Amino acid sequence: MRFLAITLVVHRPDPATGVLTPTHERLREVLDSALLAEELGFDGFGVGERHERPFLSSSPPVLLSHIAALTRRIRLFTAVTTLSLLDPVRALEDYATLDHLSGGRLDLIIGKGNGSAQRELFHVTPEDQWERNAESYEVFRRLWREDKVTAATRFRPPLSEAEVWPRPYQRPVRVWHGSATSEESVELAARYGEPLFSANVTHPVEPYAALVRHYRERWRHHGHDPALLTVGAGTAGILVAPTSQEALAAYRPVFEDNLAFARKAGLPVVFETLEDFAARSSALIGSPQQVVEKVHRYHEQLGHTVLHVHAEAGGLSPRRHRASLELFQSAVAPVLRREIPDPPFAWAPVLPAAPDPQESARV
């Protein structure tokens, strides 16, 4: 099994002090989180994309490019690239550049995104968002693979023998399809034979498991090799401690702050108590053995071989959060790596670019 640390760059007051970290400091915290993830041995670091309060993750290519310059090994993920809102040509230019700067360490998780404020900002409607997402991805996919593209697009000016530069480093980049509640993303992933990443954060496992089962059915329908089917899954929170009692006590203020925020924002509340949240959500709150057992229970439902956890403290003290991630990596991850297989592909650049002919001539 492989492990990602992911942030949506939430920007809210500290639940203990009520102080809102200045934006420039909050973004520096993201860089520190990426460095910590690489130091602790995580396989990937992801940055989400949101264009509304309370997030500062509107520009993943910029953040990930800075992270690429500071790191050497860890793969870099988007979580997710909201192609329903983006011009696929511009997105290709940004991510192909990042692909080169990172030495082919880029993986993309794409999706339509959610949230009414960002739809209004980009003039995307609930009625056309899925069509926009599919069209943008189809154009983006072709641009990554083909030197010239002609496409009769609906949601951006049509393309005629269009060339986009720079040409990417990976040929092609690996693309995961982010899925939360809808079969549309599942269908797109299955159609192209590409991996699925289940959000798996808001509800108990059952609706996510139903979507994964649908993905497997559609994968077979489209005639892809069953051995190559790949699923990743998220988690709703993390706090690993020596005992379950310590974990619950430390996480309680975080849960209560998140619950109060959800109610104030008018968001649906699925788990009314911390005990219910720890028991029935995907959150990894407890002792190492409890966390191992929960991941196995979810694996029985989802069959996932990649797991993401929260990269940032999210209301915990930095010291507590680091101790939790350290314990996860020392006492949880090694067990899961032994007992759950890796995804069926190399954790490396998909296909590095051919050597520069001028460089070869000088050898």
Protein backbone atom coordinates (compact mmCIF):
# COMPACT_ATOMS: atom_id res chain seq x y z
CA MET A 1 0.00 0.00 0.00
CA ARG A 2 1.10 3.57 -0.74
CA PHE A 3 0.40 6.63 1.39
CA LEU A 4 -0.25 10.26 0.49
CA ALA A 5 -0.41 13.32 2.73
CA ILE A 6 -2.91 15.81 1.34
CA THR A 7 -3.98 19.37 2.16
CA LEU A 8 -6.86 21.54 0.94
CA VAL A 9 -5.14 24.57 2.55
CA VAL A 10 -8.04 25.39 4.83
CA HIS A 11 -7.76 28.93 6.26
CA ARG A 12 -9.77 29.19 9.46
CA PRO A 13 -9.05 30.62 12.92
CA ASP A 14 -7.18 28.34 15.31
CA PRO A 15 -9.84 26.56 17.40
CA ALA A 16 -7.87 27.07 20.61
CA THR A 17 -6.86 30.74 20.21
CA GLY A 18 -9.33 32.11 17.66
CA VAL A 19 -6.39 33.66 15.76
CA LEU A 20 -6.37 33.57 11.94
CA THR A 21 -2.87 32.92 10.58
CA PRO A 22 -1.81 35.51 7.96
CA THR A 23 -2.08 34.18 4.41
CA HIS A 24 1.66 34.22 3.69
CA GLU A 25 2.36 32.27 6.88
CA ARG A 26 -0.41 29.80 6.11
CA LEU A 27 1.10 29.08 2.70
CA ARG A 28 4.53 28.62 4.28
CA GLU A 29 2.94 26.03 6.56
CA VAL A 30 1.97 24.04 3.46
CA LEU A 31 5.61 23.97 2.36
CA ASP A 32 6.67 22.80 5.82
CA SER A 33 4.03 20.06 5.68
CA ALA A 34 5.38 18.82 2.35
CA LEU A 35 8.92 18.70 3.72
CA LEU A 36 7.70 16.80 6.77
CA ALA A 37 5.83 14.31 4.57
CA GLU A 38 8.98 13.59 2.58
CA GLU A 39 11.09 13.37 5.75
CA LEU A 40 8.69 10.83 7.30
CA GLY A 41 8.58 8.64 4.21
CA PHE A 42 5.19 9.37 2.66
CA ASP A 43 4.92 8.33 -0.98
CA GLY A 44 3.08 11.42 -2.18
CA PHE A 45 2.00 14.93 -1.22
CA GLY A 46 -1.20 16.43 -2.59
CA VAL A 47 -2.66 19.94 -2.82
CA GLY A 48 -6.37 20.40 -3.43
CA GLU A 49 -8.00 23.01 -5.63
CA ARG A 50 -10.77 25.24 -4.31
CA HIS A 51 -11.89 28.70 -5.37
CA GLU A 52 -13.98 29.73 -2.36
CA ARG A 53 -13.86 30.27 1.39
CA PRO A 54 -12.26 29.01 3.59
CA PHE A 55 -9.55 27.66 1.25
CA LEU A 56 -6.27 29.08 -0.09
CA SER A 57 -5.76 26.31 -2.66
CA SER A 58 -6.77 28.17 -5.82
CA SER A 59 -3.39 27.63 -7.52
CA PRO A 60 -2.05 24.08 -7.05
CA PRO A 61 0.53 24.35 -9.90
CA VAL A 62 2.24 27.26 -8.14
CA LEU A 63 2.31 25.58 -4.74
CA LEU A 64 3.41 22.22 -6.16
CA SER A 65 6.15 23.85 -8.25
CA HIS A 66 7.58 25.42 -5.10
CA ILE A 67 7.31 22.07 -3.33
CA ALA A 68 9.04 20.38 -6.26
CA ALA A 69 12.02 22.68 -5.77
CA LEU A 70 12.23 21.83 -2.06
CA THR A 71 11.83 18.05 -2.32
CA ARG A 72 13.60 15.26 -4.17
CA ARG A 73 11.71 11.99 -3.84
CA ILE A 74 8.05 12.42 -2.99
CA ARG A 75 5.47 12.33 -5.80
CA LEU A 76 3.26 15.39 -6.21
CA PHE A 77 -0.52 15.10 -6.52
CA THR A 78 -3.40 17.43 -7.27
CA ALA A 79 -6.45 16.74 -5.14
CA VAL A 80 -8.32 17.54 -7.29
CA THR A 81 -7.70 19.51 -10.46
CA THR A 82 -11.15 21.00 -11.12
CA LEU A 83 -11.29 20.63 -14.89
CA SER A 84 -14.95 21.65 -15.04
CA LEU A 85 -13.76 25.18 -14.15
CA LEU A 86 -10.54 25.33 -16.16
CA ASP A 87 -9.51 25.88 -19.74
CA PRO A 88 -7.81 22.56 -20.62
CA VAL A 89 -5.19 24.31 -22.76
CA ARG A 90 -4.11 26.54 -19.90
CA ALA A 91 -4.21 23.62 -17.49
CA LEU A 92 -1.98 21.61 -19.81
CA GLU A 93 0.58 24.43 -19.99
CA ASP A 94 0.72 24.74 -16.20
CA TYR A 95 0.98 21.05 -15.45
CA ALA A 96 3.37 20.20 -18.28
CA THR A 97 5.70 22.87 -16.89
CA LEU A 98 5.35 21.41 -13.39
CA ASP A 99 5.96 17.94 -14.80
CA HIS A 100 9.36 19.09 -16.11
CA LEU A 101 10.29 21.03 -12.97
CA SER A 102 9.53 18.01 -10.78
CA GLY A 103 11.38 15.53 -12.98
CA GLY A 104 8.22 13.59 -13.76
CA ARG A 105 6.99 13.33 -10.16
CA LEU A 106 3.50 14.60 -11.02
CA ASP A 107 0.26 12.62 -10.67
CA LEU A 108 -3.08 14.31 -11.36
CA ILE A 109 -6.36 13.63 -9.61
CA ILE A 110 -9.04 15.33 -11.70
CA GLY A 111 -12.69 16.06 -10.96
CA LYS A 112 -15.48 18.54 -11.44
CA GLY A 113 -15.01 20.06 -7.97
CA ASN A 114 -17.84 21.16 -5.73
CA GLY A 115 -19.21 24.27 -4.09
CA SER A 116 -21.71 26.79 -5.43
CA ALA A 117 -19.46 29.84 -4.89
CA GLN A 118 -16.74 28.60 -7.23
CA ARG A 119 -19.32 27.52 -9.83
CA GLU A 120 -20.72 31.05 -9.80
CA LEU A 121 -17.23 32.54 -10.01
CA PHE A 122 -16.54 30.60 -13.23
CA HIS A 123 -20.11 30.72 -14.60
CA VAL A 124 -20.51 26.95 -14.42
CA THR A 125 -23.98 25.57 -13.72
CA PRO A 126 -25.10 22.35 -12.00
CA GLU A 127 -26.63 21.37 -15.34
CA ASP A 128 -23.45 21.67 -17.43
CA GLN A 129 -20.68 20.92 -14.91
CA TRP A 130 -20.36 17.23 -15.79
CA GLU A 131 -20.28 17.92 -19.53
CA ARG A 132 -17.63 20.58 -18.93
CA ASN A 133 -15.58 18.18 -16.86
CA ALA A 134 -15.74 15.43 -19.50
CA GLU A 135 -14.97 17.77 -22.41
CA SER A 136 -12.09 19.46 -20.59
CA TYR A 137 -10.58 16.13 -19.67
CA GLU A 138 -10.90 14.68 -23.15
CA VAL A 139 -9.16 17.74 -24.62
CA PHE A 140 -6.53 17.78 -21.85
CA ARG A 141 -5.85 14.07 -22.37
CA ARG A 142 -5.35 14.49 -26.10
CA LEU A 143 -3.14 17.57 -25.67
CA TRP A 144 -0.86 15.61 -23.32
CA ARG A 145 -0.48 12.79 -25.85
CA GLU A 146 -0.69 14.44 -29.27
CA ASP A 147 1.54 17.11 -30.79
CA LYS A 148 -1.35 18.74 -32.67
CA VAL A 149 -5.00 18.63 -31.68
CA THR A 150 -8.18 19.53 -33.54
CA ALA A 151 -11.33 19.52 -31.41
CA ALA A 152 -14.84 20.94 -31.90
CA THR A 153 -15.32 22.04 -28.31
CA ARG A 154 -18.48 23.54 -26.77
CA PHE A 155 -17.12 25.25 -23.67
CA ARG A 156 -14.02 26.92 -25.06
CA PRO A 157 -13.04 28.11 -28.56
CA PRO A 158 -12.54 25.14 -30.93
CA LEU A 159 -9.00 23.90 -31.59
CA SER A 160 -7.51 23.47 -35.05
CA GLU A 161 -4.11 21.77 -35.28
CA ALA A 162 -3.35 23.36 -31.93
CA GLU A 163 0.16 22.99 -30.48
CA VAL A 164 0.69 23.49 -26.76
CA TRP A 165 4.06 24.06 -25.13
CA PRO A 166 6.01 22.81 -23.34
CA ARG A 167 5.47 19.21 -24.34
CA PRO A 168 5.21 17.18 -21.11
CA TYR A 169 8.01 15.18 -19.52
CA GLN A 170 5.89 12.11 -18.74
CA ARG A 171 4.26 10.44 -21.71
CA PRO A 172 1.61 10.29 -20.43
CA VAL A 173 1.05 11.60 -16.93
CA ARG A 174 -0.93 9.28 -14.68
CA VAL A 175 -4.43 10.63 -14.12
CA TRP A 176 -6.72 9.53 -11.29
CA HIS A 177 -10.42 10.38 -11.32
CA GLY A 178 -11.71 11.85 -8.08
CA SER A 179 -15.12 10.53 -7.10
CA ALA A 180 -17.36 11.56 -4.21
CA THR A 181 -21.03 10.87 -4.87
CA SER A 182 -21.68 10.64 -8.61
CA GLU A 183 -21.33 7.92 -11.21
CA GLU A 184 -20.16 10.39 -13.87
CA SER A 185 -16.57 10.48 -12.60
CA VAL A 186 -16.63 6.72 -12.16
CA GLU A 187 -17.75 6.25 -15.76
CA LEU A 188 -15.03 8.57 -17.09
CA ALA A 189 -12.35 6.63 -15.18
CA ALA A 190 -13.65 3.26 -16.35
CA ARG A 191 -14.01 4.40 -19.96
CA TYR A 192 -10.36 5.39 -20.20
CA GLY A 193 -9.05 2.56 -18.01
CA GLU A 194 -7.64 4.94 -15.42
CA PRO A 195 -7.47 4.76 -11.60
CA LEU A 196 -10.24 5.99 -9.32
CA PHE A 197 -9.73 7.98 -6.12
CA SER A 198 -12.69 7.82 -3.77
CA ALA A 199 -13.19 10.90 -1.59
CA ASN A 200 -14.41 8.67 1.27
CA VAL A 201 -14.52 11.53 3.79
CA THR A 202 -18.08 12.73 4.46
CA HIS A 203 -20.20 9.60 4.96
CA PRO A 204 -19.79 6.05 6.24
CA VAL A 205 -18.19 3.67 3.75
CA GLU A 206 -21.35 2.28 2.12
CA PRO A 207 -22.04 4.90 -0.60
CA TYR A 208 -18.37 5.01 -1.56
CA ALA A 209 -18.23 1.22 -1.74
CA ALA A 210 -21.27 1.26 -4.04
CA LEU A 211 -19.48 3.64 -6.42
CA VAL A 212 -16.35 1.47 -6.40
CA ARG A 213 -18.45 -1.59 -7.24
CA HIS A 214 -19.97 0.36 -10.13
CA TYR A 215 -16.46 1.33 -11.26
CA ARG A 216 -15.44 -2.33 -11.31
CA GLU A 217 -18.53 -3.23 -13.35
CA ARG A 218 -17.91 -0.46 -15.87
CA TRP A 219 -14.21 -1.35 -16.03
CA ARG A 220 -15.18 -4.86 -17.14
CA HIS A 221 -17.79 -3.44 -19.53
CA HIS A 222 -15.10 -1.39 -21.29
CA GLY A 223 -12.87 -4.45 -21.63
CA HIS A 224 -9.90 -3.41 -19.48
CA ASP A 225 -7.53 -5.82 -17.78
CA PRO A 226 -8.90 -6.53 -14.27
CA ALA A 227 -5.34 -6.76 -12.93
CA LEU A 228 -4.77 -3.07 -13.72
CA LEU A 229 -7.83 -1.70 -11.90
CA THR A 230 -6.67 0.69 -9.16
CA VAL A 231 -8.53 2.45 -6.34
CA GLY A 232 -7.31 5.10 -3.90
CA ALA A 233 -9.28 6.35 -0.91
CA GLY A 234 -9.28 9.31 1.43
CA THR A 235 -9.68 9.60 5.17
CA ALA A 236 -11.68 12.10 7.21
CA GLY A 237 -8.99 12.84 9.78
CA ILE A 238 -6.02 11.36 11.58
CA LEU A 239 -4.73 11.14 15.11
CA VAL A 240 -2.67 8.10 16.02
CA ALA A 241 -1.66 7.87 19.69
CA PRO A 242 -0.38 5.12 21.98
CA THR A 243 -3.91 4.51 23.30
CA SER A 244 -7.43 5.07 22.00
CA GLN A 245 -8.26 7.16 25.07
CA GLU A 246 -5.39 9.55 24.38
CA ALA A 247 -6.32 9.82 20.71
CA LEU A 248 -9.96 10.62 21.42
CA ALA A 249 -9.11 13.17 24.09
CA ALA A 250 -6.64 14.99 21.84
CA TYR A 251 -8.98 14.99 18.81
CA ARG A 252 -12.13 16.11 20.65
CA PRO A 253 -11.49 19.89 20.34
CA VAL A 254 -10.85 19.47 16.61
CA PHE A 255 -14.07 17.52 16.12
CA GLU A 256 -16.12 20.03 18.10
CA ASP A 257 -14.69 22.96 16.15
CA ASN A 258 -15.42 21.23 12.82
CA LEU A 259 -18.94 20.39 14.01
CA ALA A 260 -19.61 24.01 15.00
CA PHE A 261 -18.24 25.25 11.65
CA ALA A 262 -20.46 22.84 9.70
CA ARG A 263 -23.57 23.90 11.58
CA LYS A 264 -22.83 27.60 11.18
CA ALA A 265 -22.21 27.13 7.46
CA GLY A 266 -25.41 25.14 7.04
CA LEU A 267 -23.55 22.00 5.99
CA PRO A 268 -25.09 18.58 6.64
CA VAL A 269 -23.90 16.92 9.84
CA VAL A 270 -23.45 13.17 9.44
CA PHE A 271 -21.71 12.33 12.71
CA GLU A 272 -23.09 14.06 15.79
CA THR A 273 -20.51 12.80 18.29
CA LEU A 274 -16.79 12.17 18.26
CA GLU A 275 -17.36 8.56 19.26
CA ASP A 276 -19.63 8.00 16.25
CA PHE A 277 -17.18 9.84 13.99
CA ALA A 278 -14.28 7.67 15.18
CA ALA A 279 -16.30 4.47 14.82
CA ARG A 280 -18.19 4.93 11.53
CA SER A 281 -16.27 7.49 9.47
CA SER A 282 -13.01 6.88 7.64
CA ALA A 283 -11.11 8.97 10.21
CA LEU A 284 -8.07 7.19 11.66
CA ILE A 285 -8.37 8.06 15.34
CA GLY A 286 -7.00 5.58 17.83
CA SER A 287 -4.07 3.33 18.68
CA PRO A 288 -1.87 1.91 15.90
CA GLN A 289 -3.64 -1.45 16.09
CA GLN A 290 -7.07 0.21 15.85
CA VAL A 291 -5.96 2.19 12.80
CA VAL A 292 -4.56 -0.91 11.08
CA GLU A 293 -7.82 -2.75 11.71
CA LYS A 294 -9.94 0.12 10.38
CA VAL A 295 -7.92 0.41 7.16
CA HIS A 296 -8.35 -3.32 6.64
CA ARG A 297 -12.12 -3.01 7.14
CA TYR A 298 -12.26 -0.28 4.54
CA HIS A 299 -9.99 -2.25 2.22
CA GLU A 300 -12.49 -5.12 2.33
CA GLN A 301 -15.12 -2.70 0.99
CA LEU A 302 -13.04 -0.61 -1.40
CA GLY A 303 -10.05 -2.73 -2.39
CA HIS A 304 -7.89 0.38 -2.33
CA THR A 305 -4.10 0.24 -2.58
CA VAL A 306 -3.43 3.97 -2.02
CA LEU A 307 -4.56 5.88 1.07
CA HIS A 308 -4.44 9.59 1.83
CA VAL A 309 -4.27 11.19 5.27
CA HIS A 310 -4.38 14.82 6.34
CA ALA A 311 -1.02 16.48 5.82
CA GLU A 312 -1.68 19.36 8.20
CA ALA A 313 -2.59 19.76 11.83
CA GLY A 314 -6.09 21.13 11.20
CA GLY A 315 -6.55 22.35 14.77
CA LEU A 316 -4.09 20.04 16.52
CA SER A 317 -0.87 21.48 17.87
CA PRO A 318 2.04 21.06 15.42
CA ARG A 319 3.80 18.88 17.99
CA ARG A 320 0.80 16.59 18.42
CA HIS A 321 0.25 16.34 14.66
CA ARG A 322 3.89 15.46 13.98
CA ALA A 323 3.84 12.81 16.72
CA SER A 324 0.70 11.33 15.14
CA LEU A 325 2.25 11.14 11.67
CA GLU A 326 5.48 9.72 13.08
CA LEU A 327 3.56 6.98 14.88
CA PHE A 328 1.53 6.30 11.75
CA GLN A 329 4.71 5.85 9.73
CA SER A 330 6.52 3.76 12.34
CA ALA A 331 3.71 1.51 13.60
CA VAL A 332 0.89 1.59 11.03
CA ALA A 333 2.31 2.08 7.55
CA PRO A 334 4.84 -0.81 7.71
CA VAL A 335 2.08 -3.27 8.65
CA LEU A 336 -0.22 -2.06 5.88
CA ARG A 337 2.62 -2.08 3.35
CA ARG A 338 3.17 -5.76 4.14
CA GLU A 339 -0.48 -6.78 4.23
CA ILE A 340 -2.06 -4.74 1.40
CA PRO A 341 -0.50 -4.75 -2.08
CA ASP A 342 0.84 -1.72 -3.93
CA PRO A 343 -1.01 -0.39 -6.97
CA PRO A 344 -0.19 -2.34 -10.16
CA PHE A 345 2.24 0.19 -11.60
CA ALA A 346 5.66 1.59 -10.80
CA TRP A 347 5.73 4.51 -8.38
CA ALA A 348 7.87 6.51 -10.78
CA PRO A 349 7.64 8.67 -13.89
CA VAL A 350 5.29 6.97 -16.33
CA LEU A 351 7.60 7.33 -19.32
CA PRO A 352 10.46 9.86 -19.17
CA ALA A 353 11.03 12.00 -22.22
CA ALA A 354 13.59 10.79 -24.75
CA PRO A 355 17.10 12.24 -24.36
CA ASP A 356 17.77 15.55 -26.07
CA PRO A 357 19.44 14.73 -29.45
CA GLN A 358 21.99 17.53 -28.93
CA GLU A 359 22.92 16.11 -25.54
CA SER A 360 23.30 12.63 -27.05
CA ALA A 361 25.53 13.98 -29.82
CA ARG A 362 27.93 15.47 -27.26
CA VAL A 363 28.41 12.17 -25.42
